[in-house]
C-alpha atoms as a PDB file:
ATOM      1  CA  VAL A   1      -6.834 -27.965 -19.708  1.00  0.00           C
ATOM      2  CA  GLN A   2      -5.187 -24.878 -21.426  1.00  0.00           C
ATOM      3  CA  GLU A   3      -5.901 -26.385 -24.827  1.00  0.00           C
ATOM      4  CA  GLN A   4      -9.626 -26.905 -24.130  1.00  0.00           C
ATOM      5  CA  ILE A   5     -10.213 -23.648 -22.470  1.00  0.00           C
ATOM      6  CA  THR A   6      -8.291 -21.608 -25.199  1.00  0.00           C
ATOM      7  CA  LYS A   7     -10.260 -23.541 -27.864  1.00  0.00           C
ATOM      8  CA  TRP A   8     -13.418 -22.676 -26.119  1.00  0.00           C
ATOM      9  CA  LEU A   9     -12.698 -18.916 -25.914  1.00  0.00           C
ATOM     10  CA  ARG A  10     -11.701 -18.552 -29.540  1.00  0.00           C
ATOM     11  CA  GLN A  11     -14.846 -20.375 -30.751  1.00  0.00           C
ATOM     12  CA  ASN A  12     -17.032 -18.042 -28.554  1.00  0.00           C
ATOM     13  CA  ASN A  13     -14.991 -14.730 -29.148  1.00  0.00           C
ATOM     14  CA  PRO A  14     -13.752 -14.764 -32.683  1.00  0.00           C
ATOM     15  CA  SER A  15     -12.895 -11.106 -32.701  1.00  0.00           C
ATOM     16  CA  GLN A  16     -10.273 -11.681 -30.130  1.00  0.00           C
ATOM     17  CA  SER A  17      -6.701 -12.618 -31.080  1.00  0.00           C
ATOM     18  CA  LYS A  18      -5.052 -16.029 -30.306  1.00  0.00           C
ATOM     19  CA  ALA A  19      -2.667 -14.264 -27.937  1.00  0.00           C
ATOM     20  CA  SER A  20      -5.483 -12.583 -26.007  1.00  0.00           C
ATOM     21  CA  CYS A  21      -7.382 -15.803 -25.540  1.00  0.00           C
ATOM     22  CA  PHE A  22      -4.188 -17.507 -24.303  1.00  0.00           C
ATOM     23  CA  GLU A  23      -3.549 -14.601 -21.774  1.00  0.00           C
ATOM     24  CA  ALA A  24      -7.108 -14.838 -20.526  1.00  0.00           C
ATOM     25  CA  CYS A  25      -6.729 -18.596 -20.009  1.00  0.00           C
ATOM     26  CA  HIS A  26      -3.391 -18.284 -18.537  1.00  0.00           C
ATOM     27  CA  GLU A  27      -4.673 -15.743 -15.925  1.00  0.00           C
ATOM     28  CA  LEU A  28      -7.604 -18.158 -15.026  1.00  0.00           C
ATOM     29  CA  LEU A  29      -5.320 -21.198 -14.600  1.00  0.00           C
ATOM     30  CA  PHE A  30      -2.563 -19.377 -12.646  1.00  0.00           C
ATOM     31  CA  ASN A  31      -5.258 -17.833 -10.222  1.00  0.00           C
ATOM     32  CA  ILE A  32      -6.684 -21.390  -9.613  1.00  0.00           C
ATOM     33  CA  LEU A  33      -3.209 -22.582  -8.891  1.00  0.00           C
ATOM     34  CA  ILE A  34      -2.313 -19.935  -6.363  1.00  0.00           C
ATOM     35  CA  LYS A  35      -5.942 -19.972  -4.744  1.00  0.00           C
ATOM     36  CA  VAL A  36      -5.738 -23.859  -4.380  1.00  0.00           C
ATOM     37  CA  TYR A  37      -2.409 -23.900  -2.980  1.00  0.00           C
ATOM     38  CA  ASP A  38      -3.025 -21.257  -0.348  1.00  0.00           C
ATOM     39  CA  HIS A  39      -6.249 -23.027   0.641  1.00  0.00           C
ATOM     40  CA  VAL A  40      -4.570 -26.387   1.002  1.00  0.00           C
ATOM     41  CA  LYS A  41      -1.710 -24.745   3.091  1.00  0.00           C
ATOM     42  CA  SER A  42      -4.246 -23.610   5.528  1.00  0.00           C
ATOM     43  CA  TYR A  43      -4.898 -27.460   6.312  1.00  0.00           C
ATOM     44  CA  LYS A  44      -1.261 -27.838   7.615  1.00  0.00           C
ATOM     45  CA  THR A  45      -1.665 -24.569   9.702  1.00  0.00           C
ATOM     46  CA  ASN A  46      -4.888 -26.003  11.369  1.00  0.00           C
ATOM     47  CA  VAL A  47      -3.216 -29.253  12.071  1.00  0.00           C
ATOM     48  CA  TYR A  48      -0.314 -27.479  13.741  1.00  0.00           C
ATOM     49  CA  GLN A  49      -2.586 -25.220  15.717  1.00  0.00           C
ATOM     50  CA  GLU A  50      -4.658 -28.169  17.124  1.00  0.00           C
ATOM     51  CA  ILE A  51      -1.407 -30.130  18.087  1.00  0.00           C
ATOM     52  CA  GLN A  52      -0.062 -27.060  19.735  1.00  0.00           C
ATOM     53  CA  ARG A  53      -3.203 -26.638  21.884  1.00  0.00           C
ATOM     54  CA  THR A  54      -3.530 -30.339  22.570  1.00  0.00           C
ATOM     55  CA  LEU A  55       0.209 -30.827  23.771  1.00  0.00           C
ATOM     56  CA  GLY A  56       0.462 -27.456  25.365  1.00  0.00           C
ATOM     57  CA  VAL A  57       3.463 -26.512  23.064  1.00  0.00           C
ATOM     58  CA  GLY A  58       2.776 -22.798  23.654  1.00  0.00           C
ATOM     59  CA  HIS A  59       2.589 -23.214  27.374  1.00  0.00           C
ATOM     60  CA  VAL A  60       6.049 -25.030  27.546  1.00  0.00           C
ATOM     61  CA  ILE A  61       7.754 -22.482  25.202  1.00  0.00           C
ATOM     62  CA  GLU A  62       6.261 -19.515  27.281  1.00  0.00           C
ATOM     63  CA  GLU A  63       7.360 -20.874  30.560  1.00  0.00           C
ATOM     64  CA  GLY A  64      10.810 -21.557  29.297  1.00  0.00           C
ATOM     65  CA  GLU A  65      10.873 -17.886  28.156  1.00  0.00           C
ATOM     66  CA  LYS A  66       9.450 -16.245  31.041  1.00  0.00           C
ATOM     67  CA  GLU A  67      12.576 -15.631  33.200  1.00  0.00           C
ATOM     68  CA  LYS A  68      14.326 -14.518  30.084  1.00  0.00           C
ATOM     69  CA  MET A  69      11.507 -11.999  29.130  1.00  0.00           C
ATOM     70  CA  GLU A  70      11.476 -10.520  32.656  1.00  0.00           C
ATOM     71  CA  GLU A  71      15.129  -9.934  32.529  1.00  0.00           C
ATOM     72  CA  GLU A  72      15.145  -8.152  29.197  1.00  0.00           C
ATOM     73  CA  LYS A  73      12.186  -5.655  30.134  1.00  0.00           C
ATOM     74  CA  LYS A  74      13.317  -2.223  29.277  1.00  0.00           C
ATOM     75  CA  ILE A  75      11.913   1.150  28.056  1.00  0.00           C
ATOM     76  CA  ASN A  76      10.669  -0.163  24.810  1.00  0.00           C
ATOM     77  CA  GLN A  77       8.504  -2.966  26.533  1.00  0.00           C
ATOM     78  CA  ASN A  78       5.906  -3.225  23.842  1.00  0.00           C
ATOM     79  CA  ASP A  79       8.251  -3.616  21.069  1.00  0.00           C
ATOM     80  CA  GLU A  80      10.177  -6.127  23.076  1.00  0.00           C
ATOM     81  CA  GLN A  81       7.079  -8.171  24.002  1.00  0.00           C
ATOM     82  CA  ARG A  82       5.973  -8.110  20.335  1.00  0.00           C
ATOM     83  CA  ASN A  83       9.233  -9.373  19.195  1.00  0.00           C
ATOM     84  CA  LYS A  84       9.170 -12.090  21.955  1.00  0.00           C
ATOM     85  CA  GLY A  85       5.687 -13.051  20.868  1.00  0.00           C
ATOM     86  CA  ASN A  86       6.954 -13.699  17.258  1.00  0.00           C
ATOM     87  CA  GLU A  87       9.967 -15.640  18.729  1.00  0.00           C
ATOM     88  CA  ILE A  88       7.666 -17.909  20.729  1.00  0.00           C
ATOM     89  CA  GLN A  89       5.402 -18.486  17.779  1.00  0.00           C
ATOM     90  CA  LYS A  90       8.531 -19.547  15.748  1.00  0.00           C
ATOM     91  CA  LYS A  91       9.538 -21.979  18.367  1.00  0.00           C
ATOM     92  CA  MET A  92       6.178 -23.263  18.637  1.00  0.00           C
ATOM     93  CA  ASN A  93       5.922 -24.050  14.904  1.00  0.00           C
ATOM     94  CA  ASP A  94       9.499 -25.481  14.909  1.00  0.00           C
ATOM     95  CA  LEU A  95       8.619 -27.831  17.760  1.00  0.00           C
ATOM     96  CA  THR A  96       5.317 -28.815  16.137  1.00  0.00           C
ATOM     97  CA  ARG A  97       6.921 -29.564  12.871  1.00  0.00           C
ATOM     98  CA  TYR A  98       9.426 -31.686  14.527  1.00  0.00           C
ATOM     99  CA  LEU A  99       6.641 -33.601  16.244  1.00  0.00           C
ATOM    100  CA  CYS A 100       4.330 -34.294  13.149  1.00  0.00           C
ATOM    101  CA  GLN A 101       6.552 -33.761   9.984  1.00  0.00           C
ATOM    102  CA  PHE A 102       7.292 -37.428   9.489  1.00  0.00           C
ATOM    103  CA  TYR A 103       3.846 -38.650  10.041  1.00  0.00           C
ATOM    104  CA  LEU A 104       2.173 -36.049   7.696  1.00  0.00           C
ATOM    105  CA  ARG A 105       4.569 -36.951   4.893  1.00  0.00           C
ATOM    106  CA  LYS A 106       4.403 -40.701   5.478  1.00  0.00           C
ATOM    107  CA  TYR A 107       0.505 -40.795   5.326  1.00  0.00           C
ATOM    108  CA  HIS A 108      -0.095 -37.863   3.166  1.00  0.00           C
ATOM    109  CA  HIS A 109      -2.272 -39.927   0.702  1.00  0.00           C
ATOM    110  CA  PHE A 110      -4.454 -40.897   3.556  1.00  0.00           C
ATOM    111  CA  LEU A 111      -4.722 -37.478   5.319  1.00  0.00           C
ATOM    112  CA  LEU A 112      -5.404 -35.135   2.357  1.00  0.00           C
ATOM    113  CA  GLY A 113      -9.022 -36.416   2.083  1.00  0.00           C
ATOM    114  CA  TYR A 114      -9.490 -36.554   5.820  1.00  0.00           C
ATOM    115  CA  TYR A 115      -8.290 -32.835   6.188  1.00  0.00           C
ATOM    116  CA  ASN A 116     -10.278 -31.745   3.256  1.00  0.00           C
ATOM    117  CA  ASP A 117     -13.474 -32.911   5.003  1.00  0.00           C
ATOM    118  CA  LYS A 118     -12.316 -31.542   8.318  1.00  0.00           C
ATOM    119  CA  TYR A 119     -11.088 -28.131   7.339  1.00  0.00           C
ATOM    120  CA  SER A 120     -12.208 -27.311   3.810  1.00  0.00           C
ATOM    121  CA  SER A 121     -14.840 -24.860   3.258  1.00  0.00           C
ATOM    122  CA  SER A 122     -17.509 -25.663   0.733  1.00  0.00           C
ATOM    123  CA  ASP A 123     -18.024 -21.995   0.150  1.00  0.00           C
ATOM    124  CA  PHE A 124     -14.433 -21.803  -1.139  1.00  0.00           C
ATOM    125  CA  GLU A 125     -14.895 -24.691  -3.694  1.00  0.00           C
ATOM    126  CA  GLU A 126     -18.260 -23.330  -4.767  1.00  0.00           C
ATOM    127  CA  LYS A 127     -16.828 -19.933  -5.354  1.00  0.00           C
ATOM    128  CA  LEU A 128     -13.965 -21.297  -7.247  1.00  0.00           C
ATOM    129  CA  TYR A 129     -16.334 -23.490  -9.576  1.00  0.00           C
ATOM    130  CA  GLN A 130     -18.568 -20.409 -10.020  1.00  0.00           C
ATOM    131  CA  CYS A 131     -15.442 -18.417 -11.084  1.00  0.00           C
ATOM    132  CA  ILE A 132     -14.264 -21.051 -13.653  1.00  0.00           C
ATOM    133  CA  TYR A 133     -17.849 -21.673 -15.047  1.00  0.00           C
ATOM    134  CA  GLY A 134     -18.437 -17.882 -15.425  1.00  0.00           C
ATOM    135  CA  PHE A 135     -15.172 -17.381 -17.206  1.00  0.00           C
ATOM    136  CA  ILE A 136     -15.482 -20.471 -19.464  1.00  0.00           C
ATOM    137  CA  GLY A 137     -19.342 -19.886 -20.117  1.00  0.00           C
ATOM    138  CA  ASN A 138     -19.850 -23.592 -20.039  1.00  0.00           C
ATOM    139  CA  ASP A 139     -20.683 -25.879 -17.301  1.00  0.00           C
ATOM    140  CA  GLU A 140     -20.419 -29.209 -19.275  1.00  0.00           C
ATOM    141  CA  MET A 141     -16.547 -29.049 -19.890  1.00  0.00           C
ATOM    142  CA  GLN A 142     -15.808 -30.738 -16.558  1.00  0.00           C
ATOM    143  CA  LEU A 143     -12.527 -28.798 -16.201  1.00  0.00           C
ATOM    144  CA  PRO A 144     -13.141 -27.378 -12.631  1.00  0.00           C
ATOM    145  CA  GLN A 145     -13.142 -30.793 -10.786  1.00  0.00           C
ATOM    146  CA  LEU A 146     -10.110 -31.930 -12.821  1.00  0.00           C
ATOM    147  CA  CYS A 147      -8.102 -28.811 -12.154  1.00  0.00           C
ATOM    148  CA  PHE A 148      -9.266 -28.566  -8.481  1.00  0.00           C
ATOM    149  CA  LEU A 149      -8.216 -32.339  -7.423  1.00  0.00           C
ATOM    150  CA  ASN A 150      -4.970 -32.449  -9.409  1.00  0.00           C
ATOM    151  CA  VAL A 151      -3.785 -28.870  -8.081  1.00  0.00           C
ATOM    152  CA  LYS A 152      -4.959 -29.861  -4.442  1.00  0.00           C
ATOM    153  CA  GLU A 153      -3.141 -33.124  -4.492  1.00  0.00           C
ATOM    154  CA  TRP A 154       0.056 -31.517  -5.836  1.00  0.00           C
ATOM    155  CA  SER A 155      -0.270 -28.525  -3.375  1.00  0.00           C
ATOM    156  CA  TRP A 156      -0.303 -30.718  -0.386  1.00  0.00           C
ATOM    157  CA  ARG A 157       2.671 -32.728  -1.341  1.00  0.00           C
ATOM    158  CA  ALA A 158       4.682 -29.482  -1.976  1.00  0.00           C
ATOM    159  CA  ILE A 159       3.667 -27.992   1.378  1.00  0.00           C
ATOM    160  CA  LEU A 160       4.705 -31.191   3.180  1.00  0.00           C
ATOM    161  CA  GLN A 161       8.253 -30.892   1.947  1.00  0.00           C
ATOM    162  CA  GLU A 162      10.860 -29.425   4.162  1.00  0.00           C
ATOM    163  CA  PRO A 163      11.433 -26.533   3.593  1.00  0.00           C
ATOM    164  CA  GLU A 164       8.008 -26.047   1.880  1.00  0.00           C
ATOM    165  CA  LEU A 165       8.039 -25.739  -1.866  1.00  0.00           C
ATOM    166  CA  VAL A 166       6.590 -22.307  -2.595  1.00  0.00           C
ATOM    167  CA  LEU A 167       5.020 -21.111  -5.838  1.00  0.00           C
ATOM    168  CA  ASP A 168       7.265 -18.249  -7.241  1.00  0.00           C
ATOM    169  CA  PRO A 169       5.955 -15.863  -8.286  1.00  0.00           C
ATOM    170  CA  SER A 170       2.612 -15.546  -6.743  1.00  0.00           C
ATOM    171  CA  SER A 171       1.150 -12.803  -8.931  1.00  0.00           C
ATOM    172  CA  PHE A 172       0.185 -13.187 -12.556  1.00  0.00           C
ATOM    173  CA  ARG A 173       1.488  -9.664 -13.408  1.00  0.00           C
ATOM    174  CA  MET A 174       5.130  -9.422 -12.734  1.00  0.00           C
ATOM    175  CA  SER A 175       7.158  -6.416 -11.489  1.00  0.00           C
ATOM    176  CA  SER A 176      10.080  -5.560  -9.439  1.00  0.00           C
ATOM    177  CA  ASN A 177       9.939  -4.427  -5.867  1.00  0.00           C
ATOM    178  CA  LYS A 178       9.950  -0.849  -7.073  1.00  0.00           C
ATOM    179  CA  LYS A 179       7.223  -1.520  -9.568  1.00  0.00           C
ATOM    180  CA  GLN A 180       9.654  -1.431 -12.481  1.00  0.00           C
ATOM    181  CA  PRO A 181       9.297  -3.865 -15.356  1.00  0.00           C
ATOM    182  CA  VAL A 182      11.126  -7.221 -15.187  1.00  0.00           C
ATOM    183  CA  PHE A 183      13.565  -7.936 -18.104  1.00  0.00           C
ATOM    184  CA  PHE A 184      13.781 -11.237 -19.659  1.00  0.00           C
ATOM    185  CA  ASN A 185      16.698 -13.487 -18.335  1.00  0.00           C
ATOM    186  CA  GLU A 186      17.131 -16.827 -20.040  1.00  0.00           C
ATOM    187  CA  LYS A 187      18.558 -18.388 -16.839  1.00  0.00           C
ATOM    188  CA  THR A 188      15.426 -17.599 -14.924  1.00  0.00           C
ATOM    189  CA  PHE A 189      12.681 -17.422 -17.562  1.00  0.00           C
ATOM    190  CA  LYS A 190      11.452 -19.504 -20.440  1.00  0.00           C
ATOM    191  CA  LYS A 191       9.462 -17.887 -23.265  1.00  0.00           C
ATOM    192  CA  PHE A 192       5.922 -18.875 -24.231  1.00  0.00           C
ATOM    193  CA  HIS A 193       5.467 -18.977 -27.973  1.00  0.00           C
ATOM    194  CA  THR A 194       3.027 -16.186 -28.079  1.00  0.00           C
ATOM    195  CA  SER A 195       5.914 -13.782 -26.983  1.00  0.00           C
ATOM    196  CA  ASP A 196       7.328 -11.065 -29.181  1.00  0.00           C
ATOM    197  CA  ARG A 197      10.283 -12.401 -31.161  1.00  0.00           C
ATOM    198  CA  ASP A 198      12.405  -9.159 -29.985  1.00  0.00           C
ATOM    199  CA  GLY A 199      10.762  -8.856 -26.782  1.00  0.00           C
ATOM    200  CA  THR A 200      12.830  -7.993 -23.603  1.00  0.00           C
ATOM    201  CA  ILE A 201      10.042  -7.073 -21.042  1.00  0.00           C
ATOM    202  CA  VAL A 202       8.192  -9.676 -19.064  1.00  0.00           C
ATOM    203  CA  SER A 203       4.336  -9.050 -19.561  1.00  0.00           C
ATOM    204  CA  TYR A 204       2.992 -11.867 -17.400  1.00  0.00           C
ATOM    205  CA  CYS A 205       3.628 -15.335 -15.862  1.00  0.00           C
ATOM    206  CA  VAL A 206       2.268 -18.229 -17.646  1.00  0.00           C
ATOM    207  CA  TRP A 207       3.298 -20.719 -14.964  1.00  0.00           C
ATOM    208  CA  PRO A 208       5.338 -20.048 -11.825  1.00  0.00           C
ATOM    209  CA  SER A 209       8.481 -22.045 -10.704  1.00  0.00           C
ATOM    210  CA  LEU A 210       9.281 -23.186  -7.169  1.00  0.00           C
ATOM    211  CA  SER A 211      11.380 -21.851  -4.420  1.00  0.00           C
ATOM    212  CA  GLN A 212      12.552 -23.102  -0.944  1.00  0.00           C
ATOM    213  CA  SER A 213      13.569 -20.799   1.845  1.00  0.00           C
ATOM    214  CA  GLY A 214      13.340 -17.798  -0.482  1.00  0.00           C
ATOM    215  CA  ALA A 215      15.507 -19.241  -3.334  1.00  0.00           C
ATOM    216  CA  LEU A 216      14.384 -20.395  -6.734  1.00  0.00           C
ATOM    217  CA  ILE A 217      15.124 -23.856  -7.394  1.00  0.00           C
ATOM    218  CA  GLY A 218      18.037 -23.811  -9.744  1.00  0.00           C
ATOM    219  CA  ASP A 219      16.872 -26.114 -12.724  1.00  0.00           C
ATOM    220  CA  LEU A 220      13.344 -24.818 -12.967  1.00  0.00           C
ATOM    221  CA  GLN A 221      12.379 -21.866 -15.079  1.00  0.00           C
ATOM    222  CA  ILE A 222       9.446 -19.487 -14.870  1.00  0.00           C
ATOM    223  CA  GLU A 223       7.368 -19.563 -18.106  1.00  0.00           C
ATOM    224  CA  VAL A 224       6.481 -16.215 -19.153  1.00  0.00           C
ATOM    225  CA  VAL A 225       5.119 -13.956 -22.110  1.00  0.00           C
ATOM    226  CA  VAL A 226       7.614 -11.410 -23.042  1.00  0.00           C
ATOM    227  CA  LYS A 227       6.784  -8.091 -25.038  1.00  0.00           C
ATOM    228  CA  GLU A 228       8.612  -5.531 -26.815  1.00  0.00           C
ATOM    229  CA  PHE A 229       6.812  -2.645 -25.301  1.00  0.00           C
ATOM    230  CA  LEU A 230       5.210  -1.777 -21.951  1.00  0.00           C
ATOM    231  CA  ASN A 231       1.412  -1.688 -22.017  1.00  0.00           C
ATOM    232  CA  ARG A 232       1.149  -2.984 -25.524  1.00  0.00           C
ATOM    233  CA  PRO A 233      -2.484  -3.951 -26.495  1.00  0.00           C
ATOM    234  CA  SER A 234      -2.824  -7.573 -26.712  1.00  0.00           C
ATOM    235  CA  GLU A 235      -5.611  -7.863 -29.239  1.00  0.00           C
ATOM    236  CA  ASP A 236      -5.121  -7.118 -32.912  1.00  0.00           C
ATOM    237  CA  VAL A 237      -8.830  -6.249 -33.256  1.00  0.00           C
ATOM    238  CA  GLU A 238      -8.274  -3.090 -30.942  1.00  0.00           C
ATOM    239  CA  MET A 239      -6.105  -1.403 -33.763  1.00  0.00           C
ATOM    240  CA  LYS A 240      -8.689  -2.290 -36.303  1.00  0.00           C
ATOM    241  CA  ASN A 241     -11.524  -0.686 -34.309  1.00  0.00           C
ATOM    242  CA  MET A 242      -9.567   2.615 -33.555  1.00  0.00           C
ATOM    243  CA  ASN A 243     -10.532   5.790 -34.994  1.00  0.00           C
ATOM    244  CA  PRO A 244      -7.618   7.885 -36.537  1.00  0.00           C
ATOM    245  CA  GLY A 245      -7.297  10.037 -33.145  1.00  0.00           C
ATOM    246  CA  GLU A 246      -7.079   6.870 -31.061  1.00  0.00           C
ATOM    247  CA  LYS A 247      -4.600   5.228 -33.486  1.00  0.00           C
ATOM    248  CA  LEU A 248      -2.321   8.336 -33.275  1.00  0.00           C
ATOM    249  CA  GLN A 249      -2.616   8.340 -29.436  1.00  0.00           C
ATOM    250  CA  ASN A 250      -1.760   4.593 -29.408  1.00  0.00           C
ATOM    251  CA  GLN A 251       1.311   5.034 -31.683  1.00  0.00           C
ATOM    252  CA  THR A 252       2.545   7.904 -29.462  1.00  0.00           C
ATOM    253  CA  LEU A 253       2.086   5.637 -26.418  1.00  0.00           C
ATOM    254  CA  LYS A 254       3.997   2.787 -28.089  1.00  0.00           C
ATOM    255  CA  GLN A 255       6.854   5.312 -28.988  1.00  0.00           C
ATOM    256  CA  ASP A 256       7.048   6.487 -25.550  1.00  0.00           C
ATOM    257  CA  ASN A 257       7.057   3.067 -24.130  1.00  0.00           C
ATOM    258  CA  LYS A 258       9.904   2.062 -26.627  1.00  0.00           C
ATOM    259  CA  ASN A 259      11.814   5.126 -25.444  1.00  0.00           C
ATOM    260  CA  VAL A 260      11.329   4.040 -21.754  1.00  0.00           C
ATOM    261  CA  GLY A 261      12.343   0.424 -22.604  1.00  0.00           C
ATOM    262  CA  ASN A 262      15.523   1.640 -24.467  1.00  0.00           C
ATOM    263  CA  SER A 263      16.484   3.866 -21.703  1.00  0.00           C
ATOM    264  CA  MET A 264      16.070   1.061 -19.059  1.00  0.00           C
ATOM    265  CA  GLN A 265      17.809  -1.443 -21.167  1.00  0.00           C
ATOM    266  CA  ALA A 266      20.597   0.971 -21.576  1.00  0.00           C
ATOM    267  CA  LYS A 267      20.812   1.559 -17.720  1.00  0.00           C
ATOM    268  CA  LYS A 268      20.680  -2.261 -17.152  1.00  0.00           C
ATOM    269  CA  LYS A 269      23.524  -2.772 -19.621  1.00  0.00           C
ATOM    270  CA  LYS A 270      25.631  -0.103 -18.056  1.00  0.00           C
ATOM    271  CA  LYS A 271      25.009  -1.648 -14.562  1.00  0.00           C
ATOM    272  CA  ASP A 272      25.874  -5.179 -15.927  1.00  0.00           C
ATOM    273  CA  ASN A 273      29.076  -3.848 -17.442  1.00  0.00           C
ATOM    274  CA  GLU A 274      30.058  -2.093 -14.207  1.00  0.00           C
END
């Protein structure tokens, strides 16, 4: 799919560089993966909610907690009730998972189509197809259906694992919690071939890895594009079309980014040494 979309982009946008076309394609496919995964995950949520209502799971849990809640009422009553509400919801989900996890996994190949008809929104699929067609500019490539069905089936199997397999990261542009750039680490990341040879800063995620209970699965790497500078223009044509003033401004920006990158690398090295 990546090969076909990239080929189409290059044929219809000859002024764009190969790296720029790859980036556009990667962003499209990454977003499809995340959106479909989240959509399929809602199937499981709906199943759990129906089972909880039918079997009165919430009533059972709440009755069991009632006396305890009465005893623990204090000054900060609202906060306590909110915490108790979260605790009850967790217990409801745990009990529901215990009741139906084996069933869902054993018959996953029958149930995906059933839940798709029962819960799936036609608006979601239509909007997804429109997004892909609009991006590609061609409704004859027949890529959307292939992407959607394959990712939907994979997502359903991943979500039924215990604990669930979660896509990591879930955002195309990567940054730390403090919005600082992420530096390349060969234990966690794998470079895509359009990366800068001496690059150290992760620009974006080509394809995510998987995590369980918040921890990355050890032998799976996140495929990324790595750049030498922050905010580096991805299209060679941009430099060619710049006037002298813009070129000077761009060179200044690159130098500033290089200084920032060097400073951050030095701090990181010092921290690692410590």
